[in-house]
């Protein structure tokens, strides 16, 4: 077990060193999209929308947090593709005495860190915009689970595809629909019944709901299931490279 933590920590530390060198650029790039969403939907469209639970801005912020943690963690994990195809640095890990789980844990932890930094930035901006933030006990665990899920998606995609164009297709056909349909900008109750049932299978729907309403055993169980499944699949994809 100590060896596992050492190996995972080594993978994580390598990614942290890279992030630390680019931290200013990372912070600036992470602020652009949330600010645009808050201006367009929170100040613009949001002023004409009233909700029983409060302002639309208060409803919007948890959705933006969920959406942002999805995108950041996914993009963070897809860098494995460049390590595999272009930099060839992945070969060093393949030849090292490191378990697939330790490597995956290190990479996913790096993605979680990026998601948490980005989330903190969004919350600070939301406060400046006048949003009222209500944190539940599951807020942080939900962000972490959501980041693990979509980092796992990005990791699996990065190891399976051959080109960046194929990675872009994953974003177009999987992440883009979830970005707008999974309760980020409006309640899924507004959707037709069959569409709503399909949308509620997806993890981002449960993340958005948990960030808004707090603890829900079913939604939390769904996220834990997805996170466990994606960790398992990520390990399998890494093992295929070793074999």
C-alpha atoms as a PDB file:
ATOM      1  CA  UNK A   1       0.000   0.000   0.000  1.00  0.00           C
ATOM      2  CA  UNK A   2       2.770   2.576   0.764  1.00  0.00           C
ATOM      3  CA  UNK A   3       4.234   1.739  -2.655  1.00  0.00           C
ATOM      4  CA  UNK A   4       0.887   2.493  -4.292  1.00  0.00           C
ATOM      5  CA  UNK A   5       0.685   5.953  -2.719  1.00  0.00           C
ATOM      6  CA  UNK A   6       4.307   6.690  -3.636  1.00  0.00           C
ATOM      7  CA  UNK A   7       3.726   5.715  -7.278  1.00  0.00           C
ATOM      8  CA  UNK A   8       0.429   7.588  -7.556  1.00  0.00           C
ATOM      9  CA  UNK A   9       2.000  10.602  -5.871  1.00  0.00           C
ATOM     10  CA  UNK A  10       4.886  10.572  -8.344  1.00  0.00           C
ATOM     11  CA  UNK A  11       2.485  10.671 -11.303  1.00  0.00           C
ATOM     12  CA  UNK A  12       0.477  13.398  -9.614  1.00  0.00           C
ATOM     13  CA  UNK A  13       3.587  15.449  -8.771  1.00  0.00           C
ATOM     14  CA  UNK A  14       4.793  15.381 -12.368  1.00  0.00           C
ATOM     15  CA  UNK A  15       1.479  16.849 -13.522  1.00  0.00           C
ATOM     16  CA  UNK A  16       1.507  19.391 -10.685  1.00  0.00           C
ATOM     17  CA  UNK A  17       4.945  20.646 -11.745  1.00  0.00           C
ATOM     18  CA  UNK A  18       3.610  21.196 -15.266  1.00  0.00           C
ATOM     19  CA  UNK A  19       0.493  22.958 -13.947  1.00  0.00           C
ATOM     20  CA  UNK A  20       2.500  25.146 -11.557  1.00  0.00           C
ATOM     21  CA  UNK A  21       4.557  26.503 -14.446  1.00  0.00           C
ATOM     22  CA  UNK A  22       1.377  27.407 -16.334  1.00  0.00           C
ATOM     23  CA  UNK A  23      -0.789  28.330 -13.365  1.00  0.00           C
ATOM     24  CA  UNK A  24      -1.395  31.957 -14.362  1.00  0.00           C
ATOM     25  CA  UNK A  25      -2.463  30.976 -17.873  1.00  0.00           C
ATOM     26  CA  UNK A  26      -4.638  28.198 -16.451  1.00  0.00           C
ATOM     27  CA  UNK A  27      -6.393  30.586 -14.059  1.00  0.00           C
ATOM     28  CA  UNK A  28      -7.036  33.193 -16.751  1.00  0.00           C
ATOM     29  CA  UNK A  29      -8.348  30.629 -19.229  1.00  0.00           C
ATOM     30  CA  UNK A  30     -10.660  29.116 -16.596  1.00  0.00           C
ATOM     31  CA  UNK A  31     -12.241  32.486 -15.864  1.00  0.00           C
ATOM     32  CA  UNK A  32     -13.318  33.338 -19.411  1.00  0.00           C
ATOM     33  CA  UNK A  33     -16.178  30.890 -20.002  1.00  0.00           C
ATOM     34  CA  UNK A  34     -17.815  31.153 -16.532  1.00  0.00           C
ATOM     35  CA  UNK A  35     -17.770  34.954 -16.705  1.00  0.00           C
ATOM     36  CA  UNK A  36     -19.422  34.848 -20.125  1.00  0.00           C
ATOM     37  CA  UNK A  37     -22.104  32.470 -18.830  1.00  0.00           C
ATOM     38  CA  UNK A  38     -22.742  34.656 -15.780  1.00  0.00           C
ATOM     39  CA  UNK A  39     -22.994  37.800 -17.888  1.00  0.00           C
ATOM     40  CA  UNK A  40     -25.149  36.279 -20.649  1.00  0.00           C
ATOM     41  CA  UNK A  41     -27.432  34.081 -18.558  1.00  0.00           C
ATOM     42  CA  UNK A  42     -27.143  35.549 -15.080  1.00  0.00           C
ATOM     43  CA  UNK A  43     -27.274  39.281 -15.829  1.00  0.00           C
ATOM     44  CA  UNK A  44     -28.783  39.207 -19.301  1.00  0.00           C
ATOM     45  CA  UNK A  45     -31.376  36.459 -19.677  1.00  0.00           C
ATOM     46  CA  UNK A  46     -31.555  35.839 -15.935  1.00  0.00           C
ATOM     47  CA  UNK A  47     -33.099  39.213 -15.123  1.00  0.00           C
ATOM     48  CA  UNK A  48     -36.263  38.237 -17.002  1.00  0.00           C
ATOM     49  CA  UNK A  49     -36.581  34.881 -15.220  1.00  0.00           C
ATOM     50  CA  UNK A  50     -38.055  34.440 -11.755  1.00  0.00           C
ATOM     51  CA  UNK A  51     -37.938  31.249  -9.718  1.00  0.00           C
ATOM     52  CA  UNK A  52     -39.771  30.253  -6.573  1.00  0.00           C
ATOM     53  CA  UNK A  53     -36.464  29.188  -5.007  1.00  0.00           C
ATOM     54  CA  UNK A  54     -34.713  32.518  -5.668  1.00  0.00           C
ATOM     55  CA  UNK A  55     -32.978  34.318  -8.504  1.00  0.00           C
ATOM     56  CA  UNK A  56     -31.955  32.590 -11.706  1.00  0.00           C
ATOM     57  CA  UNK A  57     -28.345  33.549 -10.959  1.00  0.00           C
ATOM     58  CA  UNK A  58     -28.469  31.472  -7.767  1.00  0.00           C
ATOM     59  CA  UNK A  59     -29.884  28.568  -9.800  1.00  0.00           C
ATOM     60  CA  UNK A  60     -27.277  29.014 -12.533  1.00  0.00           C
ATOM     61  CA  UNK A  61     -24.085  28.971 -10.464  1.00  0.00           C
ATOM     62  CA  UNK A  62     -24.264  25.280  -9.364  1.00  0.00           C
ATOM     63  CA  UNK A  63     -24.912  24.302 -12.984  1.00  0.00           C
ATOM     64  CA  UNK A  64     -21.874  26.253 -14.159  1.00  0.00           C
ATOM     65  CA  UNK A  65     -19.770  24.633 -11.412  1.00  0.00           C
ATOM     66  CA  UNK A  66     -20.917  21.160 -12.513  1.00  0.00           C
ATOM     67  CA  UNK A  67     -20.338  21.970 -16.182  1.00  0.00           C
ATOM     68  CA  UNK A  68     -16.923  23.473 -15.536  1.00  0.00           C
ATOM     69  CA  UNK A  69     -15.666  20.575 -13.427  1.00  0.00           C
ATOM     70  CA  UNK A  70     -16.743  18.218 -16.218  1.00  0.00           C
ATOM     71  CA  UNK A  71     -14.892  20.113 -18.925  1.00  0.00           C
ATOM     72  CA  UNK A  72     -11.739  20.825 -16.912  1.00  0.00           C
ATOM     73  CA  UNK A  73     -11.294  17.251 -15.702  1.00  0.00           C
ATOM     74  CA  UNK A  74     -11.993  15.807 -19.142  1.00  0.00           C
ATOM     75  CA  UNK A  75      -9.508  18.097 -20.900  1.00  0.00           C
ATOM     76  CA  UNK A  76      -6.906  17.459 -18.199  1.00  0.00           C
ATOM     77  CA  UNK A  77      -7.034  13.703 -18.708  1.00  0.00           C
ATOM     78  CA  UNK A  78      -6.926  13.880 -22.509  1.00  0.00           C
ATOM     79  CA  UNK A  79      -3.320  15.111 -22.308  1.00  0.00           C
ATOM     80  CA  UNK A  80      -2.477  11.409 -21.959  1.00  0.00           C
ATOM     81  CA  UNK A  81      -3.087  11.214 -25.712  1.00  0.00           C
ATOM     82  CA  UNK A  82      -0.211  13.617 -26.398  1.00  0.00           C
ATOM     83  CA  UNK A  83       1.992  11.704 -23.955  1.00  0.00           C
ATOM     84  CA  UNK A  84       1.208   8.514 -25.838  1.00  0.00           C
ATOM     85  CA  UNK A  85       1.349   9.664 -29.462  1.00  0.00           C
ATOM     86  CA  UNK A  86       3.623  12.719 -29.585  1.00  0.00           C
ATOM     87  CA  UNK A  87       5.788  13.098 -26.480  1.00  0.00           C
ATOM     88  CA  UNK A  88       6.272   9.343 -25.990  1.00  0.00           C
ATOM     89  CA  UNK A  89       6.548   9.988 -22.235  1.00  0.00           C
ATOM     90  CA  UNK A  90       3.867   7.391 -21.554  1.00  0.00           C
ATOM     91  CA  UNK A  91       6.401   4.719 -22.531  1.00  0.00           C
ATOM     92  CA  UNK A  92       8.410   5.609 -19.413  1.00  0.00           C
ATOM     93  CA  UNK A  93       5.448   4.725 -17.214  1.00  0.00           C
ATOM     94  CA  UNK A  94       4.801   1.550 -19.186  1.00  0.00           C
ATOM     95  CA  UNK A  95       8.361   0.376 -18.597  1.00  0.00           C
ATOM     96  CA  UNK A  96       8.367   1.403 -14.926  1.00  0.00           C
ATOM     97  CA  UNK A  97       7.302  -0.980 -12.114  1.00  0.00           C
ATOM     98  CA  UNK A  98       4.063   0.911 -11.487  1.00  0.00           C
ATOM     99  CA  UNK A  99       0.599  -0.607 -11.225  1.00  0.00           C
ATOM    100  CA  UNK A 100      -2.170   0.523 -13.592  1.00  0.00           C
ATOM    101  CA  UNK A 101      -4.261   1.645 -10.609  1.00  0.00           C
ATOM    102  CA  UNK A 102      -1.437   3.821  -9.249  1.00  0.00           C
ATOM    103  CA  UNK A 103      -0.938   5.508 -12.621  1.00  0.00           C
ATOM    104  CA  UNK A 104      -4.680   6.079 -13.075  1.00  0.00           C
ATOM    105  CA  UNK A 105      -5.009   7.365  -9.516  1.00  0.00           C
ATOM    106  CA  UNK A 106      -2.215   9.879 -10.100  1.00  0.00           C
ATOM    107  CA  UNK A 107      -3.693  11.130 -13.359  1.00  0.00           C
ATOM    108  CA  UNK A 108      -7.231  11.386 -12.043  1.00  0.00           C
ATOM    109  CA  UNK A 109      -6.031  13.151  -8.888  1.00  0.00           C
ATOM    110  CA  UNK A 110      -4.317  15.718 -11.094  1.00  0.00           C
ATOM    111  CA  UNK A 111      -7.583  16.276 -12.964  1.00  0.00           C
ATOM    112  CA  UNK A 112      -9.460  16.635  -9.660  1.00  0.00           C
ATOM    113  CA  UNK A 113      -6.992  19.292  -8.501  1.00  0.00           C
ATOM    114  CA  UNK A 114      -7.571  21.314 -11.664  1.00  0.00           C
ATOM    115  CA  UNK A 115     -11.332  20.993 -11.248  1.00  0.00           C
ATOM    116  CA  UNK A 116     -11.142  22.185  -7.628  1.00  0.00           C
ATOM    117  CA  UNK A 117      -8.993  25.204  -8.513  1.00  0.00           C
ATOM    118  CA  UNK A 118     -11.376  26.105 -11.307  1.00  0.00           C
ATOM    119  CA  UNK A 119     -14.395  25.655  -9.027  1.00  0.00           C
ATOM    120  CA  UNK A 120     -12.899  27.993  -6.433  1.00  0.00           C
ATOM    121  CA  UNK A 121     -12.372  30.629  -9.129  1.00  0.00           C
ATOM    122  CA  UNK A 122     -15.982  30.344 -10.313  1.00  0.00           C
ATOM    123  CA  UNK A 123     -17.354  30.677  -6.790  1.00  0.00           C
ATOM    124  CA  UNK A 124     -15.282  33.824  -6.227  1.00  0.00           C
ATOM    125  CA  UNK A 125     -16.575  35.335  -9.480  1.00  0.00           C
ATOM    126  CA  UNK A 126     -20.150  34.307  -8.615  1.00  0.00           C
ATOM    127  CA  UNK A 127     -19.910  36.173  -5.313  1.00  0.00           C
ATOM    128  CA  UNK A 128     -18.755  39.271  -7.186  1.00  0.00           C
ATOM    129  CA  UNK A 129     -21.811  38.931  -9.430  1.00  0.00           C
ATOM    130  CA  UNK A 130     -24.031  38.833  -6.334  1.00  0.00           C
ATOM    131  CA  UNK A 131     -24.932  35.149  -6.240  1.00  0.00           C
ATOM    132  CA  UNK A 132     -26.008  33.594  -2.940  1.00  0.00           C
ATOM    133  CA  UNK A 133     -24.037  30.417  -2.374  1.00  0.00           C
ATOM    134  CA  UNK A 134     -25.435  27.623  -0.227  1.00  0.00           C
ATOM    135  CA  UNK A 135     -22.914  24.885   0.475  1.00  0.00           C
ATOM    136  CA  UNK A 136     -24.109  21.474   1.606  1.00  0.00           C
ATOM    137  CA  UNK A 137     -22.026  18.763   3.254  1.00  0.00           C
ATOM    138  CA  UNK A 138     -21.755  16.899  -0.058  1.00  0.00           C
ATOM    139  CA  UNK A 139     -20.632  19.876  -2.155  1.00  0.00           C
ATOM    140  CA  UNK A 140     -16.917  19.024  -2.153  1.00  0.00           C
ATOM    141  CA  UNK A 141     -17.349  15.229  -2.483  1.00  0.00           C
ATOM    142  CA  UNK A 142     -19.720  15.768  -5.434  1.00  0.00           C
ATOM    143  CA  UNK A 143     -17.198  17.995  -7.227  1.00  0.00           C
ATOM    144  CA  UNK A 144     -14.506  15.368  -6.679  1.00  0.00           C
ATOM    145  CA  UNK A 145     -16.728  12.527  -7.900  1.00  0.00           C
ATOM    146  CA  UNK A 146     -17.776  14.490 -10.970  1.00  0.00           C
ATOM    147  CA  UNK A 147     -14.149  15.274 -11.778  1.00  0.00           C
ATOM    148  CA  UNK A 148     -13.145  11.607 -11.373  1.00  0.00           C
ATOM    149  CA  UNK A 149     -15.957  10.513 -13.688  1.00  0.00           C
ATOM    150  CA  UNK A 150     -15.121  12.818 -16.558  1.00  0.00           C
ATOM    151  CA  UNK A 151     -11.377  12.523 -16.085  1.00  0.00           C
ATOM    152  CA  UNK A 152     -11.973   8.789 -16.489  1.00  0.00           C
ATOM    153  CA  UNK A 153     -13.935   9.435 -19.670  1.00  0.00           C
ATOM    154  CA  UNK A 154     -11.110  11.613 -20.987  1.00  0.00           C
ATOM    155  CA  UNK A 155      -8.463   9.070 -19.978  1.00  0.00           C
ATOM    156  CA  UNK A 156     -10.218   6.174 -21.723  1.00  0.00           C
ATOM    157  CA  UNK A 157     -10.872   8.258 -24.819  1.00  0.00           C
ATOM    158  CA  UNK A 158      -7.267   9.468 -24.957  1.00  0.00           C
ATOM    159  CA  UNK A 159      -5.897   5.925 -24.925  1.00  0.00           C
ATOM    160  CA  UNK A 160      -8.371   4.553 -27.444  1.00  0.00           C
ATOM    161  CA  UNK A 161      -8.359   7.192 -30.168  1.00  0.00           C
ATOM    162  CA  UNK A 162      -5.568   7.870 -32.629  1.00  0.00           C
ATOM    163  CA  UNK A 163      -6.020  11.572 -33.421  1.00  0.00           C
ATOM    164  CA  UNK A 164      -7.124  14.805 -31.771  1.00  0.00           C
ATOM    165  CA  UNK A 165     -10.006  14.928 -34.260  1.00  0.00           C
ATOM    166  CA  UNK A 166     -11.431  11.789 -32.699  1.00  0.00           C
ATOM    167  CA  UNK A 167     -11.084  13.333 -29.246  1.00  0.00           C
ATOM    168  CA  UNK A 168     -13.036  16.326 -30.517  1.00  0.00           C
ATOM    169  CA  UNK A 169     -15.795  13.961 -31.638  1.00  0.00           C
ATOM    170  CA  UNK A 170     -16.107  12.587 -28.105  1.00  0.00           C
ATOM    171  CA  UNK A 171     -16.576  16.148 -26.913  1.00  0.00           C
ATOM    172  CA  UNK A 172     -19.143  16.876 -29.627  1.00  0.00           C
ATOM    173  CA  UNK A 173     -21.274  13.767 -29.209  1.00  0.00           C
ATOM    174  CA  UNK A 174     -20.984  13.218 -25.450  1.00  0.00           C
ATOM    175  CA  UNK A 175     -19.964  16.296 -23.493  1.00  0.00           C
ATOM    176  CA  UNK A 176     -21.720  18.946 -25.564  1.00  0.00           C
ATOM    177  CA  UNK A 177     -25.250  17.460 -25.201  1.00  0.00           C
ATOM    178  CA  UNK A 178     -24.733  17.006 -21.464  1.00  0.00           C
ATOM    179  CA  UNK A 179     -23.537  20.596 -21.163  1.00  0.00           C
ATOM    180  CA  UNK A 180     -26.951  21.947 -22.127  1.00  0.00           C
ATOM    181  CA  UNK A 181     -29.403  19.192 -21.184  1.00  0.00           C
ATOM    182  CA  UNK A 182     -28.300  17.894 -17.781  1.00  0.00           C
ATOM    183  CA  UNK A 183     -29.887  20.524 -15.588  1.00  0.00           C
ATOM    184  CA  UNK A 184     -27.085  23.049 -15.936  1.00  0.00           C
ATOM    185  CA  UNK A 185     -29.112  25.960 -17.346  1.00  0.00           C
ATOM    186  CA  UNK A 186     -32.672  24.796 -16.707  1.00  0.00           C
ATOM    187  CA  UNK A 187     -34.502  22.134 -14.744  1.00  0.00           C
ATOM    188  CA  UNK A 188     -34.864  18.741 -16.405  1.00  0.00           C
ATOM    189  CA  UNK A 189     -38.522  18.809 -15.326  1.00  0.00           C
ATOM    190  CA  UNK A 190     -39.116  21.056 -18.351  1.00  0.00           C
ATOM    191  CA  UNK A 191     -38.195  18.258 -20.764  1.00  0.00           C
ATOM    192  CA  UNK A 192     -40.561  15.676 -22.325  1.00  0.00           C
ATOM    193  CA  UNK A 193     -40.934  12.567 -20.197  1.00  0.00           C
ATOM    194  CA  UNK A 194     -38.890  10.171 -22.372  1.00  0.00           C
ATOM    195  CA  UNK A 195     -36.120  12.705 -22.869  1.00  0.00           C
ATOM    196  CA  UNK A 196     -36.063  13.489 -19.153  1.00  0.00           C
ATOM    197  CA  UNK A 197     -35.736   9.818 -18.231  1.00  0.00           C
ATOM    198  CA  UNK A 198     -32.808   9.440 -20.640  1.00  0.00           C
ATOM    199  CA  UNK A 199     -31.122  12.596 -19.331  1.00  0.00           C
ATOM    200  CA  UNK A 200     -31.462  11.501 -15.713  1.00  0.00           C
ATOM    201  CA  UNK A 201     -29.305   8.456 -16.427  1.00  0.00           C
ATOM    202  CA  UNK A 202     -26.336  10.734 -17.134  1.00  0.00           C
ATOM    203  CA  UNK A 203     -23.955  11.672 -14.299  1.00  0.00           C
ATOM    204  CA  UNK A 204     -23.900  15.434 -14.882  1.00  0.00           C
ATOM    205  CA  UNK A 205     -27.651  15.601 -14.163  1.00  0.00           C
ATOM    206  CA  UNK A 206     -27.082  14.153 -10.704  1.00  0.00           C
ATOM    207  CA  UNK A 207     -24.095  16.419 -10.091  1.00  0.00           C
ATOM    208  CA  UNK A 208     -26.153  19.517 -10.908  1.00  0.00           C
ATOM    209  CA  UNK A 209     -29.008  18.336  -8.672  1.00  0.00           C
ATOM    210  CA  UNK A 210     -26.736  17.531  -5.723  1.00  0.00           C
ATOM    211  CA  UNK A 211     -24.957  20.883  -5.905  1.00  0.00           C
ATOM    212  CA  UNK A 212     -28.319  22.661  -5.793  1.00  0.00           C
ATOM    213  CA  UNK A 213     -30.340  20.624  -3.328  1.00  0.00           C
ATOM    214  CA  UNK A 214     -27.775  18.882  -1.140  1.00  0.00           C
ATOM    215  CA  UNK A 215     -27.708  15.234  -0.090  1.00  0.00           C
ATOM    216  CA  UNK A 216     -29.690  12.710  -2.108  1.00  0.00           C
ATOM    217  CA  UNK A 217     -28.811   9.049  -1.623  1.00  0.00           C
ATOM    218  CA  UNK A 218     -29.829   7.933  -5.113  1.00  0.00           C
ATOM    219  CA  UNK A 219     -27.920  10.663  -6.948  1.00  0.00           C
ATOM    220  CA  UNK A 220     -24.853  10.143  -4.788  1.00  0.00           C
ATOM    221  CA  UNK A 221     -24.982   6.380  -5.427  1.00  0.00           C
ATOM    222  CA  UNK A 222     -25.187   7.025  -9.179  1.00  0.00           C
ATOM    223  CA  UNK A 223     -22.063   9.198  -9.095  1.00  0.00           C
ATOM    224  CA  UNK A 224     -20.162   6.648  -6.995  1.00  0.00           C
ATOM    225  CA  UNK A 225     -21.141   3.931  -9.476  1.00  0.00           C
ATOM    226  CA  UNK A 226     -19.974   5.968 -12.458  1.00  0.00           C
ATOM    227  CA  UNK A 227     -16.709   6.934 -10.736  1.00  0.00           C
ATOM    228  CA  UNK A 228     -15.956   3.306  -9.793  1.00  0.00           C
ATOM    229  CA  UNK A 229     -16.771   2.085 -13.302  1.00  0.00           C
ATOM    230  CA  UNK A 230     -14.585   4.727 -14.969  1.00  0.00           C
ATOM    231  CA  UNK A 231     -11.642   3.985 -12.672  1.00  0.00           C
ATOM    232  CA  UNK A 232     -11.977   0.292 -13.546  1.00  0.00           C
ATOM    233  CA  UNK A 233     -12.209   1.008 -17.292  1.00  0.00           C
ATOM    234  CA  UNK A 234      -9.250   3.394 -17.126  1.00  0.00           C
ATOM    235  CA  UNK A 235      -7.129   0.688 -15.487  1.00  0.00           C
ATOM    236  CA  UNK A 236      -8.176  -1.777 -18.173  1.00  0.00           C
ATOM    237  CA  UNK A 237      -7.154   0.618 -20.938  1.00  0.00           C
ATOM    238  CA  UNK A 238      -3.744   1.136 -19.331  1.00  0.00           C
ATOM    239  CA  UNK A 239      -3.289  -2.602 -18.881  1.00  0.00           C
ATOM    240  CA  UNK A 240      -3.880  -3.121 -22.605  1.00  0.00           C
ATOM    241  CA  UNK A 241      -0.899  -0.879 -23.341  1.00  0.00           C
ATOM    242  CA  UNK A 242       1.264  -2.853 -20.914  1.00  0.00           C
ATOM    243  CA  UNK A 243       0.250  -6.134 -22.523  1.00  0.00           C
END
